[in-house]
Amino acid sequence: MYATTPDYYDYEPIVTLQRPVAITGHPGSGLREIAYDLGALTGLTVHDLDHRIAHEVGRSPRQLRHEQGLQAYLQCADSLVSGLLASRPGGLVVLEVGLLELHPQMLDIVRHRADLIFLRLQPAAIYWHLRQGPIEDQITSLLPEDLNHPDDLAPLLAASGKIQTTAALILDVKPQAVHAAVTALRDHIVDGDIQGGRS
């Protein structure tokens, strides 16, 4: 399932994955901080799809969505995700919050080529996270223009629920509790819990 190196302080990864691990989650889950800290702790390479998009188009994904529309962003993501999933040795592939909810075809690709981790947050925590920042910063069109009550999250929660049914691991996270999430994920990876060979 995986191999450990004899020296924790080596520059080699402490685990070797059979295939990549894709990570996504709810708004406010701390997705990127958790993924990058997990990469640092395990030695696994982190492939961030949004960073790759920015490199390819010469502007931030947010700028791309603003200037050319959401569809242009999705098309760019679609053209790049297979290459990241094919990178060897297998590493951690970060998928923007809301991307898989909007793109079922990409979910199929990820499900067949990687083990998917979903970082799940309680609806109240999602609501308060989104209330702190402009909704337009989120890529998902599943959110209302005016978010007035946690019940307004119903379309987003329904779509993310479908993603969770295909995930190899669902990790319940709490706002600002990055260390606990990273430690839990490290343990799951080292124990081989998410290397199930899903096809």
N, C-alpha and C. Protein backbone atom coordinates (compact mmCIF):
# COMPACT_ATOMS: atom_id res chain seq x y z
N MET A 1 0.82 -1.19 0.00
CA MET A 1 0.00 0.00 0.00
C MET A 1 0.87 1.26 0.00
N TYR A 2 1.89 1.29 0.84
CA TYR A 2 2.76 2.44 0.95
C TYR A 2 4.08 1.95 1.49
N ALA A 3 5.09 2.78 1.42
CA ALA A 3 6.40 2.42 1.97
C ALA A 3 6.90 3.58 2.82
N THR A 4 7.49 3.28 3.95
CA THR A 4 8.06 4.33 4.78
C THR A 4 9.57 4.33 4.60
N THR A 5 10.17 5.49 4.69
CA THR A 5 11.61 5.58 4.61
C THR A 5 12.18 5.42 6.00
N PRO A 6 13.42 4.98 6.12
CA PRO A 6 13.96 4.68 7.44
C PRO A 6 14.26 5.90 8.29
N ASP A 7 14.44 7.08 7.66
CA ASP A 7 14.85 8.25 8.41
C ASP A 7 13.82 9.35 8.22
N TYR A 8 13.16 9.74 9.30
CA TYR A 8 12.11 10.78 9.22
C TYR A 8 12.67 12.08 8.66
N TYR A 9 13.95 12.36 8.95
CA TYR A 9 14.54 13.64 8.55
C TYR A 9 15.17 13.59 7.16
N ASP A 10 14.99 12.48 6.46
CA ASP A 10 15.43 12.39 5.07
C ASP A 10 14.65 13.40 4.24
N TYR A 11 15.18 13.68 3.04
CA TYR A 11 14.46 14.53 2.11
C TYR A 11 13.47 13.74 1.28
N GLU A 12 13.45 12.43 1.43
CA GLU A 12 12.50 11.59 0.72
C GLU A 12 11.15 11.62 1.45
N PRO A 13 10.05 11.38 0.72
CA PRO A 13 8.75 11.30 1.39
C PRO A 13 8.73 10.18 2.42
N ILE A 14 8.00 10.38 3.51
CA ILE A 14 7.89 9.31 4.49
C ILE A 14 6.86 8.27 4.05
N VAL A 15 6.09 8.57 3.00
CA VAL A 15 5.18 7.59 2.41
C VAL A 15 5.29 7.69 0.89
N THR A 16 4.99 6.58 0.25
CA THR A 16 4.91 6.55 -1.21
C THR A 16 3.52 6.08 -1.58
N LEU A 17 2.80 6.87 -2.35
CA LEU A 17 1.43 6.56 -2.70
C LEU A 17 1.37 5.69 -3.95
N GLN A 18 0.41 4.77 -3.96
CA GLN A 18 0.16 3.98 -5.16
C GLN A 18 -0.40 4.86 -6.27
N ARG A 19 -1.20 5.82 -5.90
CA ARG A 19 -1.77 6.77 -6.84
C ARG A 19 -2.05 8.06 -6.09
N PRO A 20 -2.31 9.16 -6.79
CA PRO A 20 -2.44 10.44 -6.10
C PRO A 20 -3.63 10.50 -5.17
N VAL A 21 -3.56 11.45 -4.27
CA VAL A 21 -4.65 11.76 -3.36
C VAL A 21 -5.15 13.16 -3.71
N ALA A 22 -6.41 13.28 -4.07
CA ALA A 22 -7.03 14.57 -4.38
C ALA A 22 -7.74 15.07 -3.13
N ILE A 23 -7.64 16.37 -2.87
CA ILE A 23 -8.23 16.96 -1.68
C ILE A 23 -9.12 18.14 -2.07
N THR A 24 -10.33 18.14 -1.56
CA THR A 24 -11.23 19.27 -1.71
C THR A 24 -12.05 19.37 -0.43
N GLY A 25 -13.02 20.27 -0.40
CA GLY A 25 -13.82 20.38 0.81
C GLY A 25 -14.80 21.53 0.75
N HIS A 26 -15.40 21.79 1.88
CA HIS A 26 -16.37 22.88 2.00
C HIS A 26 -15.68 24.23 2.10
N PRO A 27 -16.37 25.31 1.75
CA PRO A 27 -15.84 26.65 2.02
C PRO A 27 -15.55 26.81 3.51
N GLY A 28 -14.36 27.35 3.81
CA GLY A 28 -13.98 27.55 5.20
C GLY A 28 -13.29 26.36 5.83
N SER A 29 -13.06 25.31 5.05
CA SER A 29 -12.45 24.10 5.61
C SER A 29 -10.95 24.22 5.81
N GLY A 30 -10.33 25.29 5.30
CA GLY A 30 -8.88 25.42 5.41
C GLY A 30 -8.15 24.54 4.41
N LEU A 31 -8.76 24.31 3.26
CA LEU A 31 -8.27 23.35 2.27
C LEU A 31 -6.79 23.52 1.95
N ARG A 32 -6.39 24.71 1.52
CA ARG A 32 -5.00 24.87 1.08
C ARG A 32 -4.00 24.78 2.22
N GLU A 33 -4.31 25.40 3.33
CA GLU A 33 -3.39 25.34 4.46
C GLU A 33 -3.22 23.90 4.92
N ILE A 34 -4.29 23.16 4.97
CA ILE A 34 -4.21 21.75 5.37
C ILE A 34 -3.40 20.95 4.36
N ALA A 35 -3.67 21.14 3.07
CA ALA A 35 -2.97 20.37 2.04
C ALA A 35 -1.47 20.66 2.04
N TYR A 36 -1.10 21.93 2.13
CA TYR A 36 0.32 22.27 2.09
C TYR A 36 1.04 21.84 3.36
N ASP A 37 0.38 21.95 4.50
CA ASP A 37 1.00 21.46 5.74
C ASP A 37 1.14 19.94 5.71
N LEU A 38 0.15 19.27 5.13
CA LEU A 38 0.23 17.81 5.00
C LEU A 38 1.39 17.42 4.09
N GLY A 39 1.56 18.15 3.00
CA GLY A 39 2.69 17.89 2.11
C GLY A 39 4.01 18.08 2.83
N ALA A 40 4.13 19.14 3.62
CA ALA A 40 5.36 19.39 4.35
C ALA A 40 5.63 18.29 5.38
N LEU A 41 4.58 17.80 6.01
CA LEU A 41 4.75 16.79 7.05
C LEU A 41 5.10 15.42 6.48
N THR A 42 4.54 15.10 5.32
CA THR A 42 4.75 13.76 4.74
C THR A 42 5.84 13.73 3.68
N GLY A 43 6.23 14.90 3.17
CA GLY A 43 7.19 14.94 2.08
C GLY A 43 6.57 14.73 0.72
N LEU A 44 5.25 14.59 0.66
CA LEU A 44 4.57 14.40 -0.62
C LEU A 44 4.48 15.73 -1.37
N THR A 45 4.61 15.66 -2.69
CA THR A 45 4.50 16.85 -3.53
C THR A 45 3.05 17.32 -3.57
N VAL A 46 2.85 18.63 -3.49
CA VAL A 46 1.51 19.21 -3.58
C VAL A 46 1.35 19.83 -4.96
N HIS A 47 0.33 19.38 -5.69
CA HIS A 47 -0.01 19.93 -7.00
C HIS A 47 -1.31 20.71 -6.85
N ASP A 48 -1.23 22.01 -6.93
CA ASP A 48 -2.40 22.87 -6.74
C ASP A 48 -2.96 23.26 -8.10
N LEU A 49 -4.15 22.79 -8.42
CA LEU A 49 -4.72 23.04 -9.74
C LEU A 49 -4.87 24.53 -10.02
N ASP A 50 -5.31 25.31 -9.04
CA ASP A 50 -5.46 26.75 -9.26
C ASP A 50 -4.12 27.43 -9.52
N HIS A 51 -3.07 27.00 -8.84
CA HIS A 51 -1.75 27.57 -9.10
C HIS A 51 -1.28 27.22 -10.51
N ARG A 52 -1.60 26.01 -10.95
CA ARG A 52 -1.23 25.61 -12.32
C ARG A 52 -2.00 26.44 -13.35
N ILE A 53 -3.28 26.70 -13.07
CA ILE A 53 -4.07 27.54 -13.97
C ILE A 53 -3.46 28.93 -14.06
N ALA A 54 -3.09 29.50 -12.91
CA ALA A 54 -2.48 30.84 -12.90
C ALA A 54 -1.20 30.86 -13.72
N HIS A 55 -0.41 29.80 -13.62
CA HIS A 55 0.83 29.72 -14.40
C HIS A 55 0.54 29.65 -15.89
N GLU A 56 -0.49 28.91 -16.26
CA GLU A 56 -0.80 28.72 -17.68
C GLU A 56 -1.39 29.97 -18.31
N VAL A 57 -2.26 30.66 -17.62
CA VAL A 57 -2.98 31.79 -18.23
C VAL A 57 -2.37 33.15 -17.88
N GLY A 58 -1.42 33.17 -16.94
CA GLY A 58 -0.75 34.42 -16.61
C GLY A 58 -1.58 35.38 -15.77
N ARG A 59 -2.57 34.87 -15.10
CA ARG A 59 -3.40 35.69 -14.20
C ARG A 59 -4.02 34.76 -13.16
N SER A 60 -4.52 35.32 -12.11
CA SER A 60 -5.10 34.49 -11.06
C SER A 60 -6.41 33.87 -11.56
N PRO A 61 -6.78 32.72 -11.03
CA PRO A 61 -8.07 32.13 -11.40
C PRO A 61 -9.23 33.07 -11.16
N ARG A 62 -9.15 33.87 -10.10
CA ARG A 62 -10.21 34.84 -9.83
C ARG A 62 -10.30 35.86 -10.97
N GLN A 63 -9.15 36.35 -11.44
CA GLN A 63 -9.15 37.29 -12.56
C GLN A 63 -9.70 36.63 -13.82
N LEU A 64 -9.31 35.38 -14.04
CA LEU A 64 -9.79 34.65 -15.21
C LEU A 64 -11.31 34.54 -15.18
N ARG A 65 -11.87 34.20 -14.04
CA ARG A 65 -13.32 34.08 -13.93
C ARG A 65 -14.00 35.43 -14.13
N HIS A 66 -13.40 36.48 -13.60
CA HIS A 66 -13.99 37.82 -13.71
C HIS A 66 -13.94 38.32 -15.16
N GLU A 67 -12.84 38.08 -15.85
CA GLU A 67 -12.65 38.64 -17.19
C GLU A 67 -13.29 37.79 -18.29
N GLN A 68 -13.24 36.46 -18.13
CA GLN A 68 -13.71 35.58 -19.20
C GLN A 68 -14.88 34.69 -18.80
N GLY A 69 -15.23 34.71 -17.54
CA GLY A 69 -16.38 33.93 -17.09
C GLY A 69 -16.00 32.60 -16.47
N LEU A 70 -16.95 32.05 -15.75
CA LEU A 70 -16.73 30.79 -15.05
C LEU A 70 -16.41 29.65 -16.01
N GLN A 71 -17.05 29.64 -17.18
CA GLN A 71 -16.84 28.55 -18.12
C GLN A 71 -15.39 28.48 -18.59
N ALA A 72 -14.76 29.65 -18.77
CA ALA A 72 -13.35 29.67 -19.18
C ALA A 72 -12.47 29.04 -18.10
N TYR A 73 -12.79 29.33 -16.85
CA TYR A 73 -12.06 28.73 -15.74
C TYR A 73 -12.23 27.22 -15.73
N LEU A 74 -13.47 26.75 -15.88
CA LEU A 74 -13.73 25.31 -15.85
C LEU A 74 -13.04 24.60 -17.01
N GLN A 75 -13.02 25.22 -18.18
CA GLN A 75 -12.35 24.61 -19.33
C GLN A 75 -10.85 24.50 -19.10
N CYS A 76 -10.28 25.53 -18.51
CA CYS A 76 -8.85 25.50 -18.21
C CYS A 76 -8.54 24.42 -17.17
N ALA A 77 -9.36 24.35 -16.14
CA ALA A 77 -9.18 23.32 -15.12
C ALA A 77 -9.29 21.93 -15.74
N ASP A 78 -10.25 21.77 -16.63
CA ASP A 78 -10.47 20.50 -17.29
C ASP A 78 -9.25 20.06 -18.10
N SER A 79 -8.60 21.02 -18.75
CA SER A 79 -7.45 20.70 -19.61
C SER A 79 -6.20 20.35 -18.81
N LEU A 80 -6.15 20.72 -17.54
CA LEU A 80 -4.93 20.56 -16.75
C LEU A 80 -5.00 19.45 -15.70
N VAL A 81 -6.20 19.08 -15.27
CA VAL A 81 -6.30 18.19 -14.12
C VAL A 81 -5.73 16.81 -14.42
N SER A 82 -5.90 16.30 -15.63
CA SER A 82 -5.39 14.96 -15.94
C SER A 82 -3.88 14.89 -15.82
N GLY A 83 -3.20 15.97 -16.25
CA GLY A 83 -1.74 16.00 -16.13
C GLY A 83 -1.29 15.98 -14.68
N LEU A 84 -1.99 16.69 -13.82
CA LEU A 84 -1.62 16.69 -12.41
C LEU A 84 -1.86 15.33 -11.78
N LEU A 85 -2.96 14.69 -12.14
CA LEU A 85 -3.26 13.36 -11.60
C LEU A 85 -2.27 12.31 -12.09
N ALA A 86 -1.67 12.57 -13.26
CA ALA A 86 -0.72 11.61 -13.84
C ALA A 86 0.70 11.83 -13.34
N SER A 87 0.95 12.89 -12.59
CA SER A 87 2.30 13.18 -12.11
C SER A 87 2.81 12.04 -11.25
N ARG A 88 4.08 11.71 -11.44
CA ARG A 88 4.70 10.64 -10.67
C ARG A 88 5.99 11.15 -10.05
N PRO A 89 6.26 10.76 -8.80
CA PRO A 89 5.43 9.90 -7.95
C PRO A 89 4.13 10.59 -7.55
N GLY A 90 3.15 9.80 -7.18
CA GLY A 90 1.86 10.35 -6.81
C GLY A 90 1.98 11.28 -5.62
N GLY A 91 1.24 12.39 -5.67
CA GLY A 91 1.27 13.34 -4.58
C GLY A 91 -0.13 13.78 -4.20
N LEU A 92 -0.22 14.99 -3.66
CA LEU A 92 -1.48 15.57 -3.23
C LEU A 92 -1.94 16.58 -4.28
N VAL A 93 -3.16 16.42 -4.78
CA VAL A 93 -3.71 17.31 -5.79
C VAL A 93 -4.82 18.13 -5.15
N VAL A 94 -4.63 19.45 -5.09
CA VAL A 94 -5.59 20.34 -4.45
C VAL A 94 -6.59 20.83 -5.49
N LEU A 95 -7.88 20.58 -5.23
CA LEU A 95 -8.95 20.98 -6.13
C LEU A 95 -9.79 22.05 -5.44
N GLU A 96 -9.92 23.19 -6.08
CA GLU A 96 -10.59 24.35 -5.48
C GLU A 96 -11.96 23.98 -4.92
N VAL A 97 -12.28 24.59 -3.78
CA VAL A 97 -13.60 24.42 -3.18
C VAL A 97 -14.68 24.78 -4.21
N GLY A 98 -15.65 23.90 -4.40
CA GLY A 98 -16.75 24.15 -5.32
C GLY A 98 -16.54 23.63 -6.72
N LEU A 99 -15.29 23.26 -7.07
CA LEU A 99 -15.01 22.85 -8.45
C LEU A 99 -15.73 21.55 -8.82
N LEU A 100 -15.62 20.55 -7.99
CA LEU A 100 -16.22 19.26 -8.32
C LEU A 100 -17.75 19.33 -8.27
N GLU A 101 -18.28 20.21 -7.43
CA GLU A 101 -19.73 20.38 -7.39
C GLU A 101 -20.26 20.89 -8.72
N LEU A 102 -19.46 21.73 -9.39
CA LEU A 102 -19.87 22.32 -10.67
C LEU A 102 -19.53 21.44 -11.87
N HIS A 103 -18.65 20.49 -11.67
CA HIS A 103 -18.07 19.78 -12.82
C HIS A 103 -18.13 18.26 -12.58
N PRO A 104 -19.30 17.64 -12.78
CA PRO A 104 -19.43 16.20 -12.51
C PRO A 104 -18.48 15.34 -13.34
N GLN A 105 -18.16 15.78 -14.56
CA GLN A 105 -17.25 15.00 -15.39
C GLN A 105 -15.85 14.94 -14.76
N MET A 106 -15.43 16.05 -14.18
CA MET A 106 -14.13 16.04 -13.50
C MET A 106 -14.17 15.14 -12.28
N LEU A 107 -15.30 15.12 -11.58
CA LEU A 107 -15.43 14.22 -10.44
C LEU A 107 -15.22 12.78 -10.87
N ASP A 108 -15.76 12.39 -12.02
CA ASP A 108 -15.57 11.03 -12.52
C ASP A 108 -14.09 10.75 -12.79
N ILE A 109 -13.40 11.72 -13.38
CA ILE A 109 -11.97 11.55 -13.66
C ILE A 109 -11.19 11.37 -12.36
N VAL A 110 -11.47 12.24 -11.41
CA VAL A 110 -10.76 12.18 -10.13
C VAL A 110 -11.06 10.87 -9.41
N ARG A 111 -12.31 10.47 -9.41
CA ARG A 111 -12.72 9.27 -8.68
C ARG A 111 -12.01 8.02 -9.22
N HIS A 112 -11.77 7.99 -10.53
CA HIS A 112 -11.15 6.81 -11.13
C HIS A 112 -9.63 6.84 -11.11
N ARG A 113 -9.04 8.02 -10.85
CA ARG A 113 -7.59 8.12 -10.95
C ARG A 113 -6.91 8.52 -9.65
N ALA A 114 -7.70 8.78 -8.63
CA ALA A 114 -7.13 9.21 -7.36
C ALA A 114 -8.02 8.77 -6.22
N ASP A 115 -7.47 8.81 -5.02
CA ASP A 115 -8.27 8.67 -3.81
C ASP A 115 -8.66 10.07 -3.37
N LEU A 116 -9.95 10.30 -3.18
CA LEU A 116 -10.46 11.63 -2.90
C LEU A 116 -10.71 11.81 -1.40
N ILE A 117 -10.17 12.89 -0.86
CA ILE A 117 -10.43 13.29 0.52
C ILE A 117 -11.34 14.51 0.48
N PHE A 118 -12.39 14.49 1.28
CA PHE A 118 -13.29 15.64 1.39
C PHE A 118 -13.23 16.17 2.81
N LEU A 119 -12.92 17.46 2.94
CA LEU A 119 -12.87 18.13 4.23
C LEU A 119 -14.25 18.73 4.51
N ARG A 120 -14.94 18.15 5.49
CA ARG A 120 -16.34 18.51 5.74
C ARG A 120 -16.43 19.46 6.95
N LEU A 121 -17.23 20.51 6.75
CA LEU A 121 -17.45 21.51 7.78
C LEU A 121 -18.93 21.55 8.11
N GLN A 122 -19.27 21.84 9.34
CA GLN A 122 -20.68 21.96 9.72
C GLN A 122 -21.33 23.16 9.01
N PRO A 123 -22.61 23.04 8.61
CA PRO A 123 -23.26 24.12 7.87
C PRO A 123 -23.16 25.48 8.54
N ALA A 124 -23.31 25.55 9.85
CA ALA A 124 -23.22 26.84 10.53
C ALA A 124 -21.85 27.47 10.35
N ALA A 125 -20.81 26.66 10.38
CA ALA A 125 -19.45 27.17 10.20
C ALA A 125 -19.24 27.64 8.76
N ILE A 126 -19.80 26.91 7.80
CA ILE A 126 -19.72 27.36 6.39
C ILE A 126 -20.40 28.71 6.24
N TYR A 127 -21.58 28.80 6.82
CA TYR A 127 -22.37 30.03 6.71
C TYR A 127 -21.60 31.23 7.23
N TRP A 128 -21.04 31.11 8.42
CA TRP A 128 -20.34 32.26 9.01
C TRP A 128 -19.05 32.56 8.27
N HIS A 129 -18.40 31.53 7.73
CA HIS A 129 -17.22 31.79 6.90
C HIS A 129 -17.60 32.61 5.67
N LEU A 130 -18.66 32.23 4.99
CA LEU A 130 -19.07 32.93 3.78
C LEU A 130 -19.57 34.34 4.08
N ARG A 131 -20.16 34.54 5.23
CA ARG A 131 -20.64 35.87 5.59
C ARG A 131 -19.49 36.85 5.81
N GLN A 132 -18.30 36.34 6.05
CA GLN A 132 -17.14 37.20 6.30
C GLN A 132 -16.48 37.71 5.04
N GLY A 133 -16.82 37.14 3.88
CA GLY A 133 -16.18 37.55 2.64
C GLY A 133 -17.18 37.62 1.52
N PRO A 134 -16.82 38.27 0.41
CA PRO A 134 -17.76 38.40 -0.71
C PRO A 134 -18.05 37.05 -1.36
N ILE A 135 -19.33 36.79 -1.60
CA ILE A 135 -19.74 35.53 -2.21
C ILE A 135 -19.09 35.36 -3.58
N GLU A 136 -18.88 36.47 -4.30
CA GLU A 136 -18.35 36.35 -5.66
C GLU A 136 -16.93 35.78 -5.69
N ASP A 137 -16.24 35.75 -4.53
CA ASP A 137 -14.93 35.12 -4.48
C ASP A 137 -15.02 33.61 -4.61
N GLN A 138 -16.18 33.04 -4.36
CA GLN A 138 -16.38 31.59 -4.45
C GLN A 138 -16.68 31.22 -5.91
N ILE A 139 -16.17 30.07 -6.36
CA ILE A 139 -16.40 29.73 -7.76
C ILE A 139 -17.76 29.08 -7.98
N THR A 140 -18.38 28.63 -6.92
CA THR A 140 -19.62 27.89 -7.11
C THR A 140 -20.79 28.80 -7.42
N SER A 141 -21.61 28.40 -8.37
CA SER A 141 -22.85 29.12 -8.68
C SER A 141 -24.00 28.57 -7.86
N LEU A 142 -23.70 27.71 -6.90
CA LEU A 142 -24.72 27.10 -6.07
C LEU A 142 -25.07 27.95 -4.86
N LEU A 143 -24.42 29.10 -4.73
CA LEU A 143 -24.70 30.00 -3.62
C LEU A 143 -25.57 31.16 -4.08
N PRO A 144 -26.49 31.61 -3.25
CA PRO A 144 -27.32 32.76 -3.62
C PRO A 144 -26.50 34.04 -3.57
N GLU A 145 -26.97 35.07 -4.26
CA GLU A 145 -26.28 36.35 -4.22
C GLU A 145 -26.30 36.93 -2.81
N ASP A 146 -27.40 36.75 -2.13
CA ASP A 146 -27.52 37.22 -0.74
C ASP A 146 -27.70 36.01 0.17
N LEU A 147 -26.71 35.78 1.01
CA LEU A 147 -26.75 34.65 1.93
C LEU A 147 -27.27 35.15 3.27
N ASN A 148 -28.50 34.77 3.59
CA ASN A 148 -29.15 35.32 4.78
C ASN A 148 -29.40 34.31 5.88
N HIS A 149 -29.27 33.02 5.56
CA HIS A 149 -29.60 31.99 6.55
C HIS A 149 -28.86 30.72 6.14
N PRO A 150 -28.45 29.89 7.12
CA PRO A 150 -27.80 28.62 6.77
C PRO A 150 -28.61 27.75 5.81
N ASP A 151 -29.94 27.90 5.83
CA ASP A 151 -30.76 27.13 4.90
C ASP A 151 -30.47 27.47 3.45
N ASP A 152 -29.91 28.67 3.20
CA ASP A 152 -29.57 29.07 1.84
C ASP A 152 -28.43 28.23 1.26
N LEU A 153 -27.77 27.46 2.12
CA LEU A 153 -26.68 26.60 1.67
C LEU A 153 -27.18 25.27 1.11
N ALA A 154 -28.47 25.03 1.12
CA ALA A 154 -29.01 23.72 0.75
C ALA A 154 -28.51 23.21 -0.61
N PRO A 155 -28.51 24.02 -1.68
CA PRO A 155 -28.02 23.51 -2.97
C PRO A 155 -26.54 23.09 -2.92
N LEU A 156 -25.72 23.90 -2.24
CA LEU A 156 -24.31 23.57 -2.11
C LEU A 156 -24.12 22.28 -1.32
N LEU A 157 -24.83 22.14 -0.22
CA LEU A 157 -24.69 20.96 0.62
C LEU A 157 -25.17 19.70 -0.10
N ALA A 158 -26.22 19.84 -0.90
CA ALA A 158 -26.70 18.68 -1.67
C ALA A 158 -25.66 18.25 -2.69
N ALA A 159 -25.06 19.22 -3.38
CA ALA A 159 -24.04 18.88 -4.39
C ALA A 159 -22.80 18.28 -3.74
N SER A 160 -22.36 18.85 -2.63
CA SER A 160 -21.18 18.31 -1.97
C SER A 160 -21.46 16.95 -1.35
N GLY A 161 -22.72 16.71 -0.99
CA GLY A 161 -23.09 15.39 -0.48
C GLY A 161 -22.87 14.30 -1.50
N LYS A 162 -23.13 14.61 -2.77
CA LYS A 162 -22.89 13.63 -3.84
C LYS A 162 -21.40 13.34 -3.98
N ILE A 163 -20.58 14.36 -3.81
CA ILE A 163 -19.13 14.16 -3.89
C ILE A 163 -18.66 13.27 -2.74
N GLN A 164 -19.21 13.50 -1.57
CA GLN A 164 -18.79 12.73 -0.40
C GLN A 164 -19.09 11.24 -0.55
N THR A 165 -20.13 10.90 -1.31
CA THR A 165 -20.44 9.48 -1.48
C THR A 165 -19.36 8.76 -2.28
N THR A 166 -18.55 9.49 -3.04
CA THR A 166 -17.48 8.88 -3.83
C THR A 166 -16.11 9.01 -3.18
N ALA A 167 -16.04 9.72 -2.04
CA ALA A 167 -14.75 9.99 -1.42
C ALA A 167 -14.21 8.75 -0.71
N ALA A 168 -12.91 8.60 -0.76
CA ALA A 168 -12.25 7.54 -0.01
C ALA A 168 -12.20 7.87 1.47
N LEU A 169 -12.21 9.17 1.79
CA LEU A 169 -12.17 9.59 3.18
C LEU A 169 -12.89 10.92 3.31
N ILE A 170 -13.78 11.01 4.30
CA ILE A 170 -14.41 12.28 4.68
C ILE A 170 -13.87 12.63 6.06
N LEU A 171 -13.24 13.80 6.14
CA LEU A 171 -12.69 14.23 7.43
C LEU A 171 -13.47 15.44 7.92
N ASP A 172 -14.08 15.32 9.10
CA ASP A 172 -14.77 16.45 9.70
C ASP A 172 -13.73 17.40 10.29
N VAL A 173 -13.79 18.65 9.86
CA VAL A 173 -12.82 19.64 10.32
C VAL A 173 -13.55 20.77 11.03
N LYS A 174 -12.78 21.52 11.82
CA LYS A 174 -13.31 22.68 12.52
C LYS A 174 -12.52 23.91 12.08
N PRO A 175 -13.15 25.07 12.05
CA PRO A 175 -12.43 26.28 11.65
C PRO A 175 -11.18 26.50 12.51
N GLN A 176 -10.10 26.84 11.84
CA GLN A 176 -8.82 27.16 12.48
C GLN A 176 -8.14 25.95 13.13
N ALA A 177 -8.69 24.75 12.99
CA ALA A 177 -8.10 23.57 13.63
C ALA A 177 -7.25 22.82 12.60
N VAL A 178 -6.29 23.53 12.01
CA VAL A 178 -5.49 22.96 10.93
C VAL A 178 -4.60 21.82 11.43
N HIS A 179 -3.95 22.03 12.56
CA HIS A 179 -3.01 21.02 13.05
C HIS A 179 -3.69 19.67 13.28
N ALA A 180 -4.87 19.70 13.88
CA ALA A 180 -5.59 18.45 14.15
C ALA A 180 -5.96 17.75 12.84
N ALA A 181 -6.38 18.51 11.84
CA ALA A 181 -6.75 17.92 10.56
C ALA A 181 -5.54 17.32 9.87
N VAL A 182 -4.42 18.04 9.88
CA VAL A 182 -3.21 17.56 9.22
C VAL A 182 -2.71 16.28 9.89
N THR A 183 -2.72 16.26 11.20
CA THR A 183 -2.26 15.07 11.94
C THR A 183 -3.14 13.87 11.63
N ALA A 184 -4.46 14.09 11.59
CA ALA A 184 -5.38 12.99 11.29
C ALA A 184 -5.15 12.47 9.88
N LEU A 185 -4.97 13.36 8.91
CA LEU A 185 -4.75 12.93 7.53
C LEU A 185 -3.42 12.21 7.39
N ARG A 186 -2.39 12.71 8.06
CA ARG A 186 -1.10 12.02 8.03
C ARG A 186 -1.23 10.58 8.51
N ASP A 187 -1.97 10.41 9.61
CA ASP A 187 -2.15 9.07 10.15
C ASP A 187 -2.91 8.17 9.18
N HIS A 188 -3.95 8.70 8.53
CA HIS A 188 -4.71 7.91 7.56
C HIS A 188 -3.82 7.49 6.39
N ILE A 189 -2.98 8.40 5.92
CA ILE A 189 -2.12 8.08 4.78
C ILE A 189 -1.06 7.06 5.17
N VAL A 190 -0.41 7.29 6.30
CA VAL A 190 0.64 6.37 6.73
C VAL A 190 0.08 4.97 6.99
N ASP A 191 -1.14 4.91 7.54
CA ASP A 191 -1.77 3.61 7.81
C ASP A 191 -2.34 2.96 6.56
N GLY A 192 -2.34 3.70 5.44
CA GLY A 192 -2.86 3.13 4.20
C GLY A 192 -4.37 3.11 4.10
N ASP A 193 -5.04 3.88 4.95
CA ASP A 193 -6.50 3.84 4.99
C ASP A 193 -7.15 4.33 3.70
N ILE A 194 -6.51 5.22 2.99
CA ILE A 194 -7.15 5.81 1.81
C ILE A 194 -6.57 5.27 0.51
N GLN A 195 -5.75 4.23 0.60
CA GLN A 195 -5.19 3.62 -0.61
C GLN A 195 -6.00 2.37 -0.96
N GLY A 196 -7.26 2.57 -1.29
CA GLY A 196 -8.14 1.42 -1.47
C GLY A 196 -8.20 0.87 -2.88
N GLY A 197 -7.46 1.47 -3.81
CA GLY A 197 -7.48 0.97 -5.19
C GLY A 197 -8.84 1.10 -5.84
N ARG A 198 -9.55 2.18 -5.52
CA ARG A 198 -10.88 2.40 -6.09
C ARG A 198 -10.80 2.48 -7.61
N SER A 199 -11.74 1.82 -8.29
CA SER A 199 -11.70 1.83 -9.75
C SER A 199 -13.04 2.30 -10.29
